[in-house]
């Protein structure tokens, strides 16, 4: 294990850092191996943020994901979103979320308000 720390500048550097991090996975915090893993994780995170950014989910994707996580049906969303028709319109991207819907989804399902206020991908195009 080399003790020198260098920035990750290329895809090859990135792949090498990932391989080294896999080898260090599970190292105890505060040990030389644990410290090396912390440094590599920080460098990998910075490289990924710049070269492999992830788009945040849109509101409908977030709602559907939470429904799947919690085993919810469309009917379970009616007290939060409104009528059966309104739930269908929202989930089919034919209607945007109102402020009240956003507040209730945030409070009851724990979906971040920041995610919920983003326009739906299909309606944003």
C-alpha atoms as a PDB file:
ATOM      1  CA  UNK A   1       0.000   0.000   0.000  1.00  0.00           C
ATOM      2  CA  UNK A   2       1.559   3.240  -1.118  1.00  0.00           C
ATOM      3  CA  UNK A   3       1.455   6.069   1.373  1.00  0.00           C
ATOM      4  CA  UNK A   4       1.545   8.815  -1.249  1.00  0.00           C
ATOM      5  CA  UNK A   5      -1.740  10.539  -1.970  1.00  0.00           C
ATOM      6  CA  UNK A   6      -2.448  11.823  -5.445  1.00  0.00           C
ATOM      7  CA  UNK A   7      -5.548  13.255  -7.084  1.00  0.00           C
ATOM      8  CA  UNK A   8      -7.644  11.017  -9.303  1.00  0.00           C
ATOM      9  CA  UNK A   9      -7.298  12.596 -12.740  1.00  0.00           C
ATOM     10  CA  UNK A  10      -8.090   9.829 -15.209  1.00  0.00           C
ATOM     11  CA  UNK A  11     -10.464   6.899 -15.525  1.00  0.00           C
ATOM     12  CA  UNK A  12      -7.462   4.583 -14.971  1.00  0.00           C
ATOM     13  CA  UNK A  13      -6.634   6.427 -11.713  1.00  0.00           C
ATOM     14  CA  UNK A  14     -10.290   6.087 -10.716  1.00  0.00           C
ATOM     15  CA  UNK A  15     -10.382   2.338 -11.406  1.00  0.00           C
ATOM     16  CA  UNK A  16      -7.140   1.842  -9.468  1.00  0.00           C
ATOM     17  CA  UNK A  17      -8.529   3.812  -6.518  1.00  0.00           C
ATOM     18  CA  UNK A  18     -11.723   1.719  -6.549  1.00  0.00           C
ATOM     19  CA  UNK A  19      -9.689  -1.499  -6.568  1.00  0.00           C
ATOM     20  CA  UNK A  20      -7.536  -0.307  -3.676  1.00  0.00           C
ATOM     21  CA  UNK A  21     -10.605   0.824  -1.718  1.00  0.00           C
ATOM     22  CA  UNK A  22     -12.204  -2.615  -2.193  1.00  0.00           C
ATOM     23  CA  UNK A  23      -9.061  -4.166  -0.704  1.00  0.00           C
ATOM     24  CA  UNK A  24      -9.221  -1.829   2.280  1.00  0.00           C
ATOM     25  CA  UNK A  25     -12.967  -2.228   2.844  1.00  0.00           C
ATOM     26  CA  UNK A  26     -13.774  -2.944   6.486  1.00  0.00           C
ATOM     27  CA  UNK A  27     -10.510  -1.484   7.815  1.00  0.00           C
ATOM     28  CA  UNK A  28     -10.856  -0.044  11.312  1.00  0.00           C
ATOM     29  CA  UNK A  29     -11.165   3.725  11.656  1.00  0.00           C
ATOM     30  CA  UNK A  30      -8.050   5.357  13.046  1.00  0.00           C
ATOM     31  CA  UNK A  31      -5.672   2.722  11.701  1.00  0.00           C
ATOM     32  CA  UNK A  32      -3.307   3.387   8.775  1.00  0.00           C
ATOM     33  CA  UNK A  33      -5.507   1.195   6.530  1.00  0.00           C
ATOM     34  CA  UNK A  34      -8.665   2.914   7.778  1.00  0.00           C
ATOM     35  CA  UNK A  35      -7.128   6.348   7.212  1.00  0.00           C
ATOM     36  CA  UNK A  36      -6.103   5.340   3.694  1.00  0.00           C
ATOM     37  CA  UNK A  37      -9.647   4.136   2.984  1.00  0.00           C
ATOM     38  CA  UNK A  38     -11.071   7.467   4.224  1.00  0.00           C
ATOM     39  CA  UNK A  39      -8.726   9.427   1.941  1.00  0.00           C
ATOM     40  CA  UNK A  40      -9.489   7.193  -1.054  1.00  0.00           C
ATOM     41  CA  UNK A  41     -13.241   7.476  -0.430  1.00  0.00           C
ATOM     42  CA  UNK A  42     -12.966  11.269  -0.417  1.00  0.00           C
ATOM     43  CA  UNK A  43     -10.943  11.296  -3.641  1.00  0.00           C
ATOM     44  CA  UNK A  44     -13.308   8.809  -5.315  1.00  0.00           C
ATOM     45  CA  UNK A  45     -16.336  10.859  -4.258  1.00  0.00           C
ATOM     46  CA  UNK A  46     -14.821  14.050  -5.687  1.00  0.00           C
ATOM     47  CA  UNK A  47     -13.973  12.328  -8.989  1.00  0.00           C
ATOM     48  CA  UNK A  48     -17.446  10.780  -9.280  1.00  0.00           C
ATOM     49  CA  UNK A  49     -19.160  14.098  -8.545  1.00  0.00           C
ATOM     50  CA  UNK A  50     -17.246  15.695 -11.406  1.00  0.00           C
ATOM     51  CA  UNK A  51     -17.149  12.872 -13.960  1.00  0.00           C
ATOM     52  CA  UNK A  52     -20.117  10.626 -13.101  1.00  0.00           C
ATOM     53  CA  UNK A  53     -22.781  12.949 -11.674  1.00  0.00           C
ATOM     54  CA  UNK A  54     -26.130  11.401 -10.823  1.00  0.00           C
ATOM     55  CA  UNK A  55     -29.344  13.187 -11.605  1.00  0.00           C
ATOM     56  CA  UNK A  56     -31.591  13.400  -8.577  1.00  0.00           C
ATOM     57  CA  UNK A  57     -34.879  11.522  -8.930  1.00  0.00           C
ATOM     58  CA  UNK A  58     -37.914  13.428 -10.062  1.00  0.00           C
ATOM     59  CA  UNK A  59     -41.001  13.612  -7.859  1.00  0.00           C
ATOM     60  CA  UNK A  60     -42.947  10.793  -9.537  1.00  0.00           C
ATOM     61  CA  UNK A  61     -39.952   8.431  -9.439  1.00  0.00           C
ATOM     62  CA  UNK A  62     -39.462   9.245  -5.749  1.00  0.00           C
ATOM     63  CA  UNK A  63     -43.141   8.605  -4.958  1.00  0.00           C
ATOM     64  CA  UNK A  64     -43.146   5.292  -6.828  1.00  0.00           C
ATOM     65  CA  UNK A  65     -39.909   4.226  -5.115  1.00  0.00           C
ATOM     66  CA  UNK A  66     -41.330   5.024  -1.678  1.00  0.00           C
ATOM     67  CA  UNK A  67     -44.544   3.170  -2.543  1.00  0.00           C
ATOM     68  CA  UNK A  68     -42.483   0.104  -3.454  1.00  0.00           C
ATOM     69  CA  UNK A  69     -40.348   0.401  -0.304  1.00  0.00           C
ATOM     70  CA  UNK A  70     -43.365   0.636   1.972  1.00  0.00           C
ATOM     71  CA  UNK A  71     -45.648  -1.724   0.051  1.00  0.00           C
ATOM     72  CA  UNK A  72     -48.152   1.051  -0.645  1.00  0.00           C
ATOM     73  CA  UNK A  73     -50.852   0.984  -3.295  1.00  0.00           C
ATOM     74  CA  UNK A  74     -52.336   3.865  -5.244  1.00  0.00           C
ATOM     75  CA  UNK A  75     -55.290   3.702  -2.874  1.00  0.00           C
ATOM     76  CA  UNK A  76     -52.920   4.377   0.047  1.00  0.00           C
ATOM     77  CA  UNK A  77     -51.986   7.666  -1.634  1.00  0.00           C
ATOM     78  CA  UNK A  78     -55.564   8.949  -1.809  1.00  0.00           C
ATOM     79  CA  UNK A  79     -55.510  10.592   1.664  1.00  0.00           C
ATOM     80  CA  UNK A  80     -52.245  12.298   0.690  1.00  0.00           C
ATOM     81  CA  UNK A  81     -52.843  13.265  -2.955  1.00  0.00           C
ATOM     82  CA  UNK A  82     -56.613  13.190  -3.394  1.00  0.00           C
ATOM     83  CA  UNK A  83     -59.100  11.182  -5.396  1.00  0.00           C
ATOM     84  CA  UNK A  84     -58.261   8.000  -7.275  1.00  0.00           C
ATOM     85  CA  UNK A  85     -58.288   9.999 -10.500  1.00  0.00           C
ATOM     86  CA  UNK A  86     -55.932  12.623  -9.076  1.00  0.00           C
ATOM     87  CA  UNK A  87     -53.491   9.935  -7.874  1.00  0.00           C
ATOM     88  CA  UNK A  88     -53.514   8.386 -11.364  1.00  0.00           C
ATOM     89  CA  UNK A  89     -52.947  11.790 -12.998  1.00  0.00           C
ATOM     90  CA  UNK A  90     -49.966  12.528 -10.738  1.00  0.00           C
ATOM     91  CA  UNK A  91     -48.380   9.095 -11.163  1.00  0.00           C
ATOM     92  CA  UNK A  92     -48.919   9.235 -14.943  1.00  0.00           C
ATOM     93  CA  UNK A  93     -47.329  12.718 -15.051  1.00  0.00           C
ATOM     94  CA  UNK A  94     -50.500  14.383 -16.310  1.00  0.00           C
ATOM     95  CA  UNK A  95     -50.834  16.615 -13.228  1.00  0.00           C
ATOM     96  CA  UNK A  96     -48.194  18.331 -11.136  1.00  0.00           C
ATOM     97  CA  UNK A  97     -48.073  18.295  -7.364  1.00  0.00           C
ATOM     98  CA  UNK A  98     -49.731  21.097  -5.419  1.00  0.00           C
ATOM     99  CA  UNK A  99     -48.075  22.672  -2.386  1.00  0.00           C
ATOM    100  CA  UNK A 100     -50.490  20.761  -0.144  1.00  0.00           C
ATOM    101  CA  UNK A 101     -49.627  17.454  -1.823  1.00  0.00           C
ATOM    102  CA  UNK A 102     -45.914  18.188  -1.468  1.00  0.00           C
ATOM    103  CA  UNK A 103     -46.308  18.954   2.239  1.00  0.00           C
ATOM    104  CA  UNK A 104     -48.327  15.787   2.894  1.00  0.00           C
ATOM    105  CA  UNK A 105     -45.982  13.560   0.866  1.00  0.00           C
ATOM    106  CA  UNK A 106     -43.033  15.020   2.751  1.00  0.00           C
ATOM    107  CA  UNK A 107     -44.669  14.616   6.172  1.00  0.00           C
ATOM    108  CA  UNK A 108     -46.254  11.189   5.680  1.00  0.00           C
ATOM    109  CA  UNK A 109     -43.826   9.447   3.343  1.00  0.00           C
ATOM    110  CA  UNK A 110     -40.612  11.249   4.256  1.00  0.00           C
ATOM    111  CA  UNK A 111     -39.766  12.242   0.679  1.00  0.00           C
ATOM    112  CA  UNK A 112     -37.588  15.341   0.627  1.00  0.00           C
ATOM    113  CA  UNK A 113     -39.439  18.522  -0.281  1.00  0.00           C
ATOM    114  CA  UNK A 114     -36.542  19.434  -2.591  1.00  0.00           C
ATOM    115  CA  UNK A 115     -37.198  16.293  -4.648  1.00  0.00           C
ATOM    116  CA  UNK A 116     -40.950  16.875  -4.705  1.00  0.00           C
ATOM    117  CA  UNK A 117     -40.743  20.449  -5.997  1.00  0.00           C
ATOM    118  CA  UNK A 118     -38.656  19.459  -9.034  1.00  0.00           C
ATOM    119  CA  UNK A 119     -40.683  19.316 -12.229  1.00  0.00           C
ATOM    120  CA  UNK A 120     -41.411  15.845 -13.528  1.00  0.00           C
ATOM    121  CA  UNK A 121     -38.901  14.811 -16.200  1.00  0.00           C
ATOM    122  CA  UNK A 122     -41.536  14.369 -18.900  1.00  0.00           C
ATOM    123  CA  UNK A 123     -43.316  17.610 -18.113  1.00  0.00           C
ATOM    124  CA  UNK A 124     -39.983  19.484 -17.882  1.00  0.00           C
ATOM    125  CA  UNK A 125     -39.021  18.557 -21.452  1.00  0.00           C
END
